[in-house]
Amino acid sequence: MPRPSQALLSREIIARAALDMLDEEGVEMLTMRALASRLGVKGASLYNHIASKDELLDAVSELVNEEIDLRPLDRPDWREGVAEYARGYRRVWLGHPNTIALIARRRVAASRALLGYEKLMAALVAAGCTASLAAEVSAAVDYLVLGSAVETYTAGFDRAPADYRPSYPTLAAALEDSARLDERGFELALGLLLDGLAARLELSAHGGQGGLAGPARVSDA
């Protein structure tokens, strides 16, 4: 019988199956034994391609980071590019919410993740940031994206808005008007971040000094 033209297993095939398991079944269900069963192989076969669960998570991280579109960071308008990049970054993590706790706290080792940080900071430096400020803004984008993806605001309220009305009337009214609240809240925070940075860069360009807060308008994005 001729040998198969393509290997039955590879690092990418194993990582993809692990990512599917995380998406469908959650963190607790991902074990090397369960993964081997899903792939229809013996557990020892996985170790020919993935040395450990730690290495498996690195491979999963590579897959997730490859989904993040870095092209917006090449746009001439730095603000528009960073905003679109952040939205895409968030969409990817919203698509893989079970991976955040496992991957977001790990060391940054995936080449695609390193490229993402490089391109974001290069875009910010080109806009007028110092390398130090670019790192601070990059961290702020991470906090905003990952924080908004790991726990949505509206998911924290487990009752119908009317149930809050007797004791918390303002909260009830706000929740009743909460269509797309999580997305709008993210856009508001993103707009405030970029407005503040734009104001700081403008002030710096005219010889002034200031923090991220400043006379900035709120984005309508």
N, C-alpha and C. Protein backbone atom coordinates (compact mmCIF):
# COMPACT_ATOMS: atom_id res chain seq x y z
N MET A 1 0.86 -1.19 0.00
CA MET A 1 0.00 0.00 0.00
C MET A 1 0.89 1.24 0.00
N PRO A 2 0.62 2.21 -0.89
CA PRO A 2 1.45 3.41 -0.93
C PRO A 2 1.27 4.24 0.34
N ARG A 3 2.33 4.93 0.72
CA ARG A 3 2.27 5.77 1.89
C ARG A 3 1.37 6.97 1.62
N PRO A 4 0.65 7.47 2.63
CA PRO A 4 -0.20 8.64 2.40
C PRO A 4 0.62 9.82 1.97
N SER A 5 0.05 10.64 1.08
CA SER A 5 0.77 11.79 0.54
C SER A 5 0.92 12.90 1.58
N GLN A 6 0.11 12.86 2.64
CA GLN A 6 0.18 13.90 3.66
C GLN A 6 0.18 13.25 5.03
N ALA A 7 0.99 13.75 5.92
CA ALA A 7 1.06 13.18 7.26
C ALA A 7 -0.29 13.31 7.96
N LEU A 8 -0.63 12.29 8.75
CA LEU A 8 -1.89 12.33 9.47
C LEU A 8 -1.86 13.35 10.59
N LEU A 9 -0.70 13.60 11.13
CA LEU A 9 -0.56 14.57 12.21
C LEU A 9 0.53 15.57 11.87
N SER A 10 0.36 16.75 12.39
CA SER A 10 1.39 17.79 12.32
C SER A 10 1.15 18.71 13.50
N ARG A 11 2.12 19.55 13.77
CA ARG A 11 1.96 20.51 14.86
C ARG A 11 0.71 21.37 14.66
N GLU A 12 0.49 21.82 13.41
CA GLU A 12 -0.66 22.68 13.15
C GLU A 12 -1.98 21.93 13.30
N ILE A 13 -2.04 20.69 12.81
CA ILE A 13 -3.27 19.90 12.92
C ILE A 13 -3.61 19.67 14.40
N ILE A 14 -2.60 19.35 15.19
CA ILE A 14 -2.82 19.12 16.63
C ILE A 14 -3.28 20.41 17.30
N ALA A 15 -2.62 21.52 16.99
CA ALA A 15 -2.98 22.81 17.60
C ALA A 15 -4.39 23.22 17.21
N ARG A 16 -4.75 22.98 15.96
CA ARG A 16 -6.10 23.33 15.50
C ARG A 16 -7.14 22.52 16.26
N ALA A 17 -6.88 21.23 16.46
CA ALA A 17 -7.82 20.39 17.21
C ALA A 17 -7.93 20.87 18.65
N ALA A 18 -6.80 21.28 19.23
CA ALA A 18 -6.82 21.78 20.60
C ALA A 18 -7.62 23.07 20.69
N LEU A 19 -7.46 23.96 19.72
CA LEU A 19 -8.22 25.21 19.72
C LEU A 19 -9.71 24.92 19.58
N ASP A 20 -10.06 23.97 18.73
CA ASP A 20 -11.47 23.59 18.57
C ASP A 20 -12.03 23.05 19.89
N MET A 21 -11.23 22.26 20.59
CA MET A 21 -11.68 21.73 21.88
C MET A 21 -11.91 22.85 22.88
N LEU A 22 -11.00 23.80 22.92
CA LEU A 22 -11.15 24.93 23.83
C LEU A 22 -12.42 25.71 23.52
N ASP A 23 -12.65 25.97 22.24
CA ASP A 23 -13.83 26.73 21.83
C ASP A 23 -15.12 26.00 22.18
N GLU A 24 -15.13 24.70 21.97
CA GLU A 24 -16.36 23.92 22.11
C GLU A 24 -16.61 23.41 23.52
N GLU A 25 -15.54 23.06 24.25
CA GLU A 25 -15.71 22.35 25.50
C GLU A 25 -15.11 23.05 26.72
N GLY A 26 -14.26 24.03 26.51
CA GLY A 26 -13.68 24.77 27.63
C GLY A 26 -12.33 24.25 28.06
N VAL A 27 -11.72 25.00 28.94
CA VAL A 27 -10.35 24.74 29.39
C VAL A 27 -10.22 23.39 30.09
N GLU A 28 -11.20 23.07 30.93
CA GLU A 28 -11.09 21.87 31.76
C GLU A 28 -11.00 20.59 30.93
N MET A 29 -11.56 20.59 29.75
CA MET A 29 -11.62 19.38 28.93
C MET A 29 -10.37 19.15 28.10
N LEU A 30 -9.49 20.14 28.03
CA LEU A 30 -8.30 19.99 27.18
C LEU A 30 -7.20 19.26 27.93
N THR A 31 -7.05 17.99 27.62
CA THR A 31 -5.93 17.19 28.11
C THR A 31 -5.29 16.52 26.90
N MET A 32 -4.07 16.11 27.04
CA MET A 32 -3.39 15.44 25.92
C MET A 32 -4.11 14.14 25.55
N ARG A 33 -4.63 13.44 26.56
CA ARG A 33 -5.35 12.20 26.28
C ARG A 33 -6.64 12.47 25.51
N ALA A 34 -7.40 13.49 25.96
CA ALA A 34 -8.65 13.82 25.27
C ALA A 34 -8.37 14.32 23.86
N LEU A 35 -7.29 15.06 23.70
CA LEU A 35 -6.93 15.56 22.38
C LEU A 35 -6.56 14.42 21.44
N ALA A 36 -5.80 13.46 21.94
CA ALA A 36 -5.45 12.30 21.12
C ALA A 36 -6.70 11.54 20.70
N SER A 37 -7.65 11.39 21.64
CA SER A 37 -8.90 10.70 21.32
C SER A 37 -9.67 11.45 20.24
N ARG A 38 -9.69 12.75 20.31
CA ARG A 38 -10.40 13.56 19.31
C ARG A 38 -9.78 13.37 17.93
N LEU A 39 -8.47 13.24 17.90
CA LEU A 39 -7.76 13.06 16.63
C LEU A 39 -7.73 11.61 16.18
N GLY A 40 -8.19 10.70 17.03
CA GLY A 40 -8.22 9.28 16.67
C GLY A 40 -6.87 8.62 16.64
N VAL A 41 -5.99 9.06 17.54
CA VAL A 41 -4.64 8.48 17.60
C VAL A 41 -4.31 8.14 19.05
N LYS A 42 -3.21 7.45 19.23
CA LYS A 42 -2.72 7.17 20.58
C LYS A 42 -1.99 8.40 21.11
N GLY A 43 -2.04 8.57 22.43
CA GLY A 43 -1.44 9.75 23.04
C GLY A 43 0.02 9.92 22.69
N ALA A 44 0.76 8.81 22.60
CA ALA A 44 2.19 8.91 22.31
C ALA A 44 2.45 9.55 20.95
N SER A 45 1.49 9.42 20.02
CA SER A 45 1.68 9.99 18.68
C SER A 45 1.78 11.51 18.72
N LEU A 46 1.09 12.12 19.67
CA LEU A 46 1.12 13.59 19.76
C LEU A 46 2.52 14.08 20.08
N TYR A 47 3.24 13.31 20.90
CA TYR A 47 4.55 13.76 21.38
C TYR A 47 5.63 13.68 20.31
N ASN A 48 5.29 13.11 19.16
CA ASN A 48 6.22 13.18 18.03
C ASN A 48 6.23 14.59 17.42
N HIS A 49 5.20 15.37 17.73
CA HIS A 49 5.06 16.71 17.14
C HIS A 49 5.01 17.82 18.19
N ILE A 50 4.46 17.50 19.37
CA ILE A 50 4.31 18.47 20.45
C ILE A 50 4.91 17.87 21.71
N ALA A 51 5.92 18.49 22.26
CA ALA A 51 6.67 17.88 23.36
C ALA A 51 5.92 17.89 24.69
N SER A 52 5.01 18.85 24.88
CA SER A 52 4.34 18.98 26.17
C SER A 52 3.07 19.81 25.99
N LYS A 53 2.26 19.86 27.03
CA LYS A 53 1.07 20.71 26.97
C LYS A 53 1.46 22.17 26.89
N ASP A 54 2.57 22.52 27.53
CA ASP A 54 3.05 23.91 27.45
C ASP A 54 3.36 24.29 26.01
N GLU A 55 4.01 23.39 25.29
CA GLU A 55 4.31 23.66 23.89
C GLU A 55 3.03 23.67 23.06
N LEU A 56 2.06 22.84 23.45
CA LEU A 56 0.77 22.83 22.75
C LEU A 56 0.11 24.20 22.86
N LEU A 57 0.14 24.80 24.04
CA LEU A 57 -0.48 26.11 24.21
C LEU A 57 0.26 27.18 23.42
N ASP A 58 1.58 27.04 23.27
CA ASP A 58 2.32 27.96 22.40
C ASP A 58 1.82 27.84 20.96
N ALA A 59 1.58 26.60 20.52
CA ALA A 59 1.10 26.38 19.16
C ALA A 59 -0.31 26.93 18.98
N VAL A 60 -1.16 26.78 19.99
CA VAL A 60 -2.51 27.35 19.93
C VAL A 60 -2.43 28.87 19.87
N SER A 61 -1.52 29.44 20.65
CA SER A 61 -1.33 30.89 20.64
C SER A 61 -0.94 31.38 19.25
N GLU A 62 -0.09 30.63 18.58
CA GLU A 62 0.31 31.01 17.22
C GLU A 62 -0.90 31.06 16.30
N LEU A 63 -1.79 30.06 16.41
CA LEU A 63 -2.97 30.03 15.55
C LEU A 63 -3.88 31.23 15.80
N VAL A 64 -4.13 31.52 17.07
CA VAL A 64 -5.01 32.64 17.40
C VAL A 64 -4.41 33.95 16.91
N ASN A 65 -3.13 34.15 17.14
CA ASN A 65 -2.50 35.40 16.73
C ASN A 65 -2.45 35.56 15.21
N GLU A 66 -2.41 34.44 14.48
CA GLU A 66 -2.43 34.52 13.03
C GLU A 66 -3.76 35.04 12.50
N GLU A 67 -4.81 34.96 13.31
CA GLU A 67 -6.12 35.46 12.89
C GLU A 67 -6.22 36.98 13.00
N ILE A 68 -5.34 37.59 13.77
CA ILE A 68 -5.41 39.04 13.97
C ILE A 68 -4.86 39.75 12.74
N ASP A 69 -5.65 40.62 12.16
CA ASP A 69 -5.28 41.34 10.95
C ASP A 69 -4.36 42.52 11.31
N LEU A 70 -3.14 42.47 10.82
CA LEU A 70 -2.18 43.53 11.10
C LEU A 70 -2.14 44.61 10.02
N ARG A 71 -2.85 44.38 8.93
CA ARG A 71 -2.79 45.33 7.80
C ARG A 71 -3.26 46.73 8.15
N PRO A 72 -4.25 46.92 9.02
CA PRO A 72 -4.64 48.29 9.34
C PRO A 72 -3.50 49.14 9.88
N LEU A 73 -2.51 48.52 10.50
CA LEU A 73 -1.40 49.29 11.07
C LEU A 73 -0.50 49.90 10.00
N ASP A 74 -0.70 49.52 8.74
CA ASP A 74 0.07 50.12 7.65
C ASP A 74 -0.62 51.35 7.06
N ARG A 75 -1.78 51.69 7.55
CA ARG A 75 -2.52 52.83 6.99
C ARG A 75 -1.80 54.14 7.30
N PRO A 76 -1.92 55.12 6.40
CA PRO A 76 -1.27 56.42 6.64
C PRO A 76 -1.81 57.14 7.86
N ASP A 77 -3.10 57.02 8.10
CA ASP A 77 -3.73 57.66 9.26
C ASP A 77 -3.55 56.73 10.47
N TRP A 78 -2.62 57.07 11.37
CA TRP A 78 -2.28 56.17 12.48
C TRP A 78 -3.48 55.90 13.36
N ARG A 79 -4.29 56.93 13.60
CA ARG A 79 -5.44 56.77 14.50
C ARG A 79 -6.45 55.79 13.91
N GLU A 80 -6.75 55.97 12.64
CA GLU A 80 -7.68 55.06 11.97
C GLU A 80 -7.14 53.64 11.97
N GLY A 81 -5.83 53.50 11.71
CA GLY A 81 -5.22 52.18 11.64
C GLY A 81 -5.22 51.48 12.98
N VAL A 82 -4.85 52.19 14.06
CA VAL A 82 -4.82 51.58 15.38
C VAL A 82 -6.23 51.20 15.83
N ALA A 83 -7.20 52.05 15.53
CA ALA A 83 -8.58 51.75 15.91
C ALA A 83 -9.08 50.49 15.22
N GLU A 84 -8.83 50.38 13.92
CA GLU A 84 -9.30 49.20 13.19
C GLU A 84 -8.55 47.95 13.63
N TYR A 85 -7.26 48.09 13.89
CA TYR A 85 -6.49 46.96 14.41
C TYR A 85 -7.07 46.49 15.74
N ALA A 86 -7.37 47.41 16.64
CA ALA A 86 -7.90 47.05 17.96
C ALA A 86 -9.26 46.36 17.83
N ARG A 87 -10.08 46.83 16.92
CA ARG A 87 -11.39 46.18 16.71
C ARG A 87 -11.21 44.74 16.22
N GLY A 88 -10.29 44.55 15.28
CA GLY A 88 -10.05 43.21 14.77
C GLY A 88 -9.44 42.31 15.83
N TYR A 89 -8.54 42.85 16.60
CA TYR A 89 -7.89 42.14 17.71
C TYR A 89 -8.97 41.63 18.67
N ARG A 90 -9.91 42.49 18.99
CA ARG A 90 -10.99 42.13 19.91
C ARG A 90 -11.91 41.07 19.29
N ARG A 91 -12.23 41.21 18.01
CA ARG A 91 -13.10 40.22 17.37
C ARG A 91 -12.50 38.82 17.44
N VAL A 92 -11.19 38.73 17.26
CA VAL A 92 -10.53 37.42 17.32
C VAL A 92 -10.69 36.81 18.70
N TRP A 93 -10.44 37.59 19.75
CA TRP A 93 -10.53 37.04 21.10
C TRP A 93 -11.98 36.76 21.48
N LEU A 94 -12.92 37.54 21.00
CA LEU A 94 -14.33 37.23 21.25
C LEU A 94 -14.72 35.91 20.61
N GLY A 95 -14.03 35.54 19.53
CA GLY A 95 -14.29 34.27 18.87
C GLY A 95 -13.67 33.08 19.60
N HIS A 96 -12.73 33.35 20.49
CA HIS A 96 -12.06 32.28 21.24
C HIS A 96 -12.01 32.65 22.73
N PRO A 97 -13.15 32.89 23.36
CA PRO A 97 -13.12 33.39 24.75
C PRO A 97 -12.49 32.43 25.74
N ASN A 98 -12.57 31.13 25.47
CA ASN A 98 -12.01 30.16 26.41
C ASN A 98 -10.48 30.13 26.38
N THR A 99 -9.89 30.73 25.37
CA THR A 99 -8.43 30.71 25.27
C THR A 99 -7.77 31.86 26.03
N ILE A 100 -8.54 32.88 26.38
CA ILE A 100 -7.94 34.09 26.94
C ILE A 100 -7.18 33.80 28.23
N ALA A 101 -7.83 33.09 29.15
CA ALA A 101 -7.17 32.83 30.43
C ALA A 101 -5.91 32.00 30.27
N LEU A 102 -5.89 31.12 29.25
CA LEU A 102 -4.72 30.27 29.04
C LEU A 102 -3.59 30.98 28.32
N ILE A 103 -3.94 31.79 27.34
CA ILE A 103 -2.93 32.34 26.43
C ILE A 103 -2.50 33.75 26.79
N ALA A 104 -3.45 34.59 27.18
CA ALA A 104 -3.14 36.01 27.38
C ALA A 104 -2.13 36.23 28.51
N ARG A 105 -2.05 35.31 29.45
CA ARG A 105 -1.11 35.47 30.57
C ARG A 105 0.23 34.78 30.32
N ARG A 106 0.36 34.15 29.18
CA ARG A 106 1.61 33.45 28.89
C ARG A 106 2.65 34.42 28.34
N ARG A 107 3.89 33.97 28.34
CA ARG A 107 4.95 34.77 27.75
C ARG A 107 4.63 35.03 26.27
N VAL A 108 5.08 36.13 25.77
CA VAL A 108 4.86 36.44 24.35
C VAL A 108 5.98 35.78 23.57
N ALA A 109 5.67 34.65 22.93
CA ALA A 109 6.69 33.89 22.22
C ALA A 109 6.33 33.64 20.76
N ALA A 110 5.03 33.61 20.45
CA ALA A 110 4.61 33.34 19.07
C ALA A 110 5.13 34.43 18.15
N SER A 111 5.72 34.04 17.03
CA SER A 111 6.31 35.02 16.12
C SER A 111 5.27 36.01 15.61
N ARG A 112 4.04 35.53 15.39
CA ARG A 112 2.99 36.43 14.91
C ARG A 112 2.61 37.45 15.97
N ALA A 113 2.59 37.03 17.23
CA ALA A 113 2.30 37.98 18.31
C ALA A 113 3.40 39.03 18.41
N LEU A 114 4.65 38.60 18.31
CA LEU A 114 5.77 39.54 18.36
C LEU A 114 5.70 40.52 17.19
N LEU A 115 5.31 40.02 16.01
CA LEU A 115 5.16 40.90 14.86
C LEU A 115 4.06 41.92 15.09
N GLY A 116 2.98 41.48 15.74
CA GLY A 116 1.88 42.40 16.03
C GLY A 116 2.33 43.55 16.92
N TYR A 117 3.07 43.23 17.98
CA TYR A 117 3.57 44.28 18.86
C TYR A 117 4.56 45.19 18.13
N GLU A 118 5.40 44.59 17.30
CA GLU A 118 6.36 45.38 16.53
C GLU A 118 5.65 46.38 15.62
N LYS A 119 4.64 45.90 14.89
CA LYS A 119 3.94 46.78 13.94
C LYS A 119 3.13 47.85 14.66
N LEU A 120 2.50 47.49 15.76
CA LEU A 120 1.74 48.49 16.51
C LEU A 120 2.66 49.58 17.05
N MET A 121 3.77 49.17 17.66
CA MET A 121 4.68 50.17 18.23
C MET A 121 5.35 50.99 17.13
N ALA A 122 5.65 50.37 16.00
CA ALA A 122 6.25 51.12 14.89
C ALA A 122 5.26 52.17 14.37
N ALA A 123 3.98 51.81 14.29
CA ALA A 123 2.97 52.77 13.84
C ALA A 123 2.85 53.93 14.82
N LEU A 124 2.93 53.63 16.11
CA LEU A 124 2.83 54.67 17.12
C LEU A 124 4.06 55.57 17.13
N VAL A 125 5.23 54.98 16.96
CA VAL A 125 6.46 55.79 16.89
C VAL A 125 6.43 56.69 15.66
N ALA A 126 5.95 56.14 14.53
CA ALA A 126 5.83 56.95 13.31
C ALA A 126 4.86 58.10 13.50
N ALA A 127 3.87 57.92 14.39
CA ALA A 127 2.90 58.98 14.66
C ALA A 127 3.46 60.06 15.58
N GLY A 128 4.60 59.78 16.21
CA GLY A 128 5.22 60.77 17.07
C GLY A 128 5.46 60.33 18.50
N CYS A 129 5.10 59.09 18.84
CA CYS A 129 5.34 58.59 20.19
C CYS A 129 6.82 58.27 20.39
N THR A 130 7.29 58.40 21.61
CA THR A 130 8.57 57.81 21.96
C THR A 130 8.38 56.30 22.06
N ALA A 131 9.46 55.55 22.07
CA ALA A 131 9.35 54.11 22.21
C ALA A 131 8.67 53.75 23.53
N SER A 132 8.99 54.50 24.59
CA SER A 132 8.39 54.23 25.89
C SER A 132 6.89 54.48 25.87
N LEU A 133 6.47 55.59 25.28
CA LEU A 133 5.05 55.89 25.20
C LEU A 133 4.33 54.87 24.31
N ALA A 134 4.97 54.45 23.23
CA ALA A 134 4.38 53.44 22.35
C ALA A 134 4.11 52.16 23.13
N ALA A 135 5.04 51.78 24.01
CA ALA A 135 4.84 50.58 24.83
C ALA A 135 3.67 50.77 25.79
N GLU A 136 3.54 51.96 26.36
CA GLU A 136 2.43 52.23 27.28
C GLU A 136 1.09 52.15 26.55
N VAL A 137 1.04 52.72 25.36
CA VAL A 137 -0.20 52.68 24.58
C VAL A 137 -0.52 51.25 24.15
N SER A 138 0.50 50.50 23.77
CA SER A 138 0.31 49.10 23.41
C SER A 138 -0.27 48.33 24.59
N ALA A 139 0.25 48.57 25.78
CA ALA A 139 -0.28 47.92 26.98
C ALA A 139 -1.73 48.32 27.21
N ALA A 140 -2.05 49.61 27.02
CA ALA A 140 -3.42 50.08 27.21
C ALA A 140 -4.37 49.41 26.23
N VAL A 141 -3.93 49.23 24.99
CA VAL A 141 -4.76 48.54 23.99
C VAL A 141 -5.00 47.09 24.42
N ASP A 142 -3.95 46.43 24.92
CA ASP A 142 -4.11 45.07 25.43
C ASP A 142 -5.13 45.01 26.57
N TYR A 143 -5.00 45.92 27.53
CA TYR A 143 -5.93 45.93 28.66
C TYR A 143 -7.37 46.10 28.17
N LEU A 144 -7.55 47.01 27.23
CA LEU A 144 -8.88 47.31 26.73
C LEU A 144 -9.46 46.14 25.95
N VAL A 145 -8.67 45.58 25.04
CA VAL A 145 -9.15 44.49 24.20
C VAL A 145 -9.41 43.23 25.02
N LEU A 146 -8.42 42.80 25.77
CA LEU A 146 -8.56 41.54 26.51
C LEU A 146 -9.56 41.66 27.65
N GLY A 147 -9.56 42.81 28.32
CA GLY A 147 -10.53 43.00 29.39
C GLY A 147 -11.95 42.97 28.89
N SER A 148 -12.20 43.58 27.73
CA SER A 148 -13.56 43.62 27.19
C SER A 148 -13.97 42.29 26.59
N ALA A 149 -13.00 41.46 26.24
CA ALA A 149 -13.31 40.15 25.65
C ALA A 149 -13.50 39.08 26.70
N VAL A 150 -12.74 39.15 27.80
CA VAL A 150 -12.78 38.08 28.79
C VAL A 150 -14.07 38.12 29.61
N GLU A 151 -14.62 39.30 29.84
CA GLU A 151 -15.86 39.40 30.62
C GLU A 151 -16.67 40.58 30.12
N THR A 152 -17.77 40.30 29.42
CA THR A 152 -18.59 41.38 28.91
C THR A 152 -19.32 42.07 30.05
N TYR A 153 -19.58 43.33 29.87
CA TYR A 153 -20.22 44.13 30.91
C TYR A 153 -21.63 43.62 31.20
N THR A 154 -22.41 43.41 30.16
CA THR A 154 -23.81 43.04 30.35
C THR A 154 -23.97 41.65 30.94
N ALA A 155 -23.01 40.76 30.72
CA ALA A 155 -23.11 39.40 31.25
C ALA A 155 -23.08 39.38 32.77
N GLY A 156 -22.59 40.45 33.38
CA GLY A 156 -22.52 40.49 34.83
C GLY A 156 -23.87 40.73 35.50
N PHE A 157 -24.87 41.12 34.72
CA PHE A 157 -26.20 41.37 35.28
C PHE A 157 -27.12 40.24 34.87
N ASP A 158 -27.53 39.42 35.84
CA ASP A 158 -28.24 38.19 35.52
C ASP A 158 -29.75 38.29 35.69
N ARG A 159 -30.25 39.53 35.88
CA ARG A 159 -31.70 39.71 36.00
C ARG A 159 -32.21 40.63 34.89
N ALA A 160 -33.49 40.54 34.64
CA ALA A 160 -34.11 41.45 33.67
C ALA A 160 -34.03 42.87 34.21
N PRO A 161 -33.88 43.87 33.34
CA PRO A 161 -33.76 45.25 33.83
C PRO A 161 -34.88 45.66 34.78
N ALA A 162 -36.11 45.21 34.53
CA ALA A 162 -37.24 45.60 35.37
C ALA A 162 -37.06 45.12 36.81
N ASP A 163 -36.34 44.02 36.98
CA ASP A 163 -36.14 43.49 38.34
C ASP A 163 -35.25 44.40 39.18
N TYR A 164 -34.44 45.21 38.53
CA TYR A 164 -33.56 46.13 39.25
C TYR A 164 -34.26 47.44 39.62
N ARG A 165 -35.39 47.71 38.96
CA ARG A 165 -35.98 49.03 39.04
C ARG A 165 -36.35 49.48 40.46
N PRO A 166 -36.92 48.63 41.32
CA PRO A 166 -37.31 49.14 42.65
C PRO A 166 -36.15 49.73 43.45
N SER A 167 -35.00 49.07 43.41
CA SER A 167 -33.86 49.54 44.23
C SER A 167 -32.83 50.32 43.43
N TYR A 168 -32.75 50.05 42.12
CA TYR A 168 -31.69 50.66 41.29
C TYR A 168 -32.30 51.20 39.99
N PRO A 169 -33.11 52.25 40.09
CA PRO A 169 -33.84 52.72 38.91
C PRO A 169 -32.96 53.23 37.78
N THR A 170 -31.85 53.88 38.11
CA THR A 170 -30.97 54.39 37.06
C THR A 170 -30.29 53.25 36.33
N LEU A 171 -29.83 52.25 37.09
CA LEU A 171 -29.23 51.06 36.48
C LEU A 171 -30.23 50.36 35.59
N ALA A 172 -31.47 50.21 36.05
CA ALA A 172 -32.51 49.55 35.25
C ALA A 172 -32.73 50.27 33.93
N ALA A 173 -32.81 51.60 33.99
CA ALA A 173 -33.02 52.38 32.76
C ALA A 173 -31.86 52.21 31.80
N ALA A 174 -30.64 52.19 32.35
CA ALA A 174 -29.46 52.04 31.50
C ALA A 174 -29.44 50.67 30.84
N LEU A 175 -29.78 49.62 31.59
CA LEU A 175 -29.77 48.27 31.02
C LEU A 175 -30.87 48.09 29.99
N GLU A 176 -32.00 48.78 30.17
CA GLU A 176 -33.08 48.70 29.19
C GLU A 176 -32.65 49.31 27.86
N ASP A 177 -31.68 50.21 27.91
CA ASP A 177 -31.17 50.86 26.71
C ASP A 177 -29.81 50.28 26.33
N SER A 178 -29.64 48.98 26.59
CA SER A 178 -28.29 48.41 26.48
C SER A 178 -28.04 47.63 25.20
N ALA A 179 -28.82 47.86 24.16
CA ALA A 179 -28.55 47.19 22.89
C ALA A 179 -27.12 47.53 22.46
N ARG A 180 -26.33 46.50 22.20
CA ARG A 180 -24.94 46.65 21.76
C ARG A 180 -24.12 47.43 22.80
N LEU A 181 -24.50 47.32 24.08
CA LEU A 181 -23.81 48.10 25.10
C LEU A 181 -22.34 47.74 25.20
N ASP A 182 -22.01 46.45 25.11
CA ASP A 182 -20.61 46.05 25.24
C ASP A 182 -19.78 46.63 24.09
N GLU A 183 -20.31 46.57 22.89
CA GLU A 183 -19.58 47.11 21.75
C GLU A 183 -19.44 48.62 21.86
N ARG A 184 -20.53 49.29 22.25
CA ARG A 184 -20.48 50.75 22.38
C ARG A 184 -19.53 51.18 23.49
N GLY A 185 -19.51 50.41 24.58
CA GLY A 185 -18.59 50.73 25.66
C GLY A 185 -17.14 50.59 25.22
N PHE A 186 -16.87 49.54 24.45
CA PHE A 186 -15.52 49.36 23.91
C PHE A 186 -15.15 50.52 23.00
N GLU A 187 -16.06 50.90 22.11
CA GLU A 187 -15.77 51.99 21.19
C GLU A 187 -15.55 53.31 21.93
N LEU A 188 -16.32 53.54 22.99
CA LEU A 188 -16.14 54.76 23.78
C LEU A 188 -14.76 54.78 24.41
N ALA A 189 -14.36 53.67 25.02
CA ALA A 189 -13.05 53.60 25.67
C ALA A 189 -11.93 53.73 24.66
N LEU A 190 -12.08 53.08 23.51
CA LEU A 190 -11.07 53.16 22.46
C LEU A 190 -10.95 54.59 21.95
N GLY A 191 -12.09 55.24 21.74
CA GLY A 191 -12.07 56.63 21.26
C GLY A 191 -11.41 57.56 22.26
N LEU A 192 -11.70 57.37 23.55
CA LEU A 192 -11.09 58.21 24.58
C LEU A 192 -9.58 58.00 24.64
N LEU A 193 -9.15 56.75 24.50
CA LEU A 193 -7.72 56.45 24.51
C LEU A 193 -7.02 57.14 23.35
N LEU A 194 -7.57 57.00 22.15
CA LEU A 194 -6.92 57.57 20.98
C LEU A 194 -7.04 59.09 20.95
N ASP A 195 -8.15 59.62 21.43
CA ASP A 195 -8.29 61.07 21.54
C ASP A 195 -7.23 61.64 22.49
N GLY A 196 -7.07 60.99 23.62
CA GLY A 196 -6.09 61.45 24.59
C GLY A 196 -4.68 61.40 24.04
N LEU A 197 -4.36 60.31 23.31
CA LEU A 197 -3.03 60.20 22.71
C LEU A 197 -2.84 61.27 21.64
N ALA A 198 -3.86 61.49 20.82
CA ALA A 198 -3.75 62.52 19.78
C ALA A 198 -3.52 63.90 20.40
N ALA A 199 -4.22 64.18 21.49
CA ALA A 199 -4.05 65.47 22.17
C ALA A 199 -2.64 65.59 22.74
N ARG A 200 -2.13 64.51 23.29
CA ARG A 200 -0.78 64.54 23.86
C ARG A 200 0.26 64.76 22.77
N LEU A 201 0.11 64.09 21.64
CA LEU A 201 1.06 64.25 20.54
C LEU A 201 1.00 65.67 19.97
N GLU A 202 -0.22 66.21 19.90
CA GLU A 202 -0.36 67.59 19.40
C GLU A 202 0.31 68.57 20.34
N LEU A 203 0.12 68.37 21.62
CA LEU A 203 0.75 69.25 22.61
C LEU A 203 2.26 69.14 22.54
N SER A 204 2.75 67.92 22.41
CA SER A 204 4.19 67.70 22.33
C SER A 204 4.77 68.35 21.08
N ALA A 205 4.03 68.28 19.97
CA ALA A 205 4.51 68.86 18.72
C ALA A 205 4.67 70.37 18.82
N HIS A 206 3.91 70.98 19.76
CA HIS A 206 4.00 72.43 19.94
C HIS A 206 4.84 72.80 21.14
N GLY A 207 5.64 71.84 21.62
CA GLY A 207 6.57 72.14 22.68
C GLY A 207 6.02 72.03 24.08
N GLY A 208 4.79 71.52 24.22
CA GLY A 208 4.20 71.40 25.55
C GLY A 208 4.42 70.01 26.11
N GLN A 209 3.93 69.81 27.31
CA GLN A 209 4.00 68.51 27.96
C GLN A 209 2.63 68.21 28.56
N GLY A 210 2.30 66.95 28.64
CA GLY A 210 1.01 66.60 29.24
C GLY A 210 0.81 65.12 29.26
N GLY A 211 -0.21 64.70 29.95
CA GLY A 211 -0.55 63.28 30.04
C GLY A 211 -1.49 62.90 28.93
N LEU A 212 -2.05 61.70 29.03
CA LEU A 212 -2.98 61.25 28.02
C LEU A 212 -4.28 62.02 28.09
N ALA A 213 -4.63 62.57 29.24
CA ALA A 213 -5.83 63.38 29.32
C ALA A 213 -5.57 64.73 28.68
N GLY A 214 -6.56 65.29 28.04
CA GLY A 214 -6.36 66.58 27.40
C GLY A 214 -7.63 67.06 26.76
N PRO A 215 -7.57 68.17 26.05
CA PRO A 215 -8.77 68.74 25.43
C PRO A 215 -9.14 67.98 24.19
N ALA A 216 -9.61 66.74 24.39
CA ALA A 216 -9.87 65.88 23.24
C ALA A 216 -11.36 65.63 23.09
N ARG A 217 -11.80 65.50 21.89
CA ARG A 217 -13.19 65.18 21.63
C ARG A 217 -13.40 63.68 21.79
N VAL A 218 -14.63 63.27 22.02
CA VAL A 218 -14.97 61.85 22.10
C VAL A 218 -15.25 61.34 20.70
N SER A 219 -14.66 60.21 20.35
CA SER A 219 -14.83 59.64 19.01
C SER A 219 -16.26 59.18 18.81
N ASP A 220 -16.75 59.31 17.59
CA ASP A 220 -18.07 58.79 17.20
C ASP A 220 -17.95 57.43 16.55
N ALA A 221 -16.77 56.81 16.62
CA ALA A 221 -16.57 55.52 15.95
C ALA A 221 -17.55 54.49 16.45
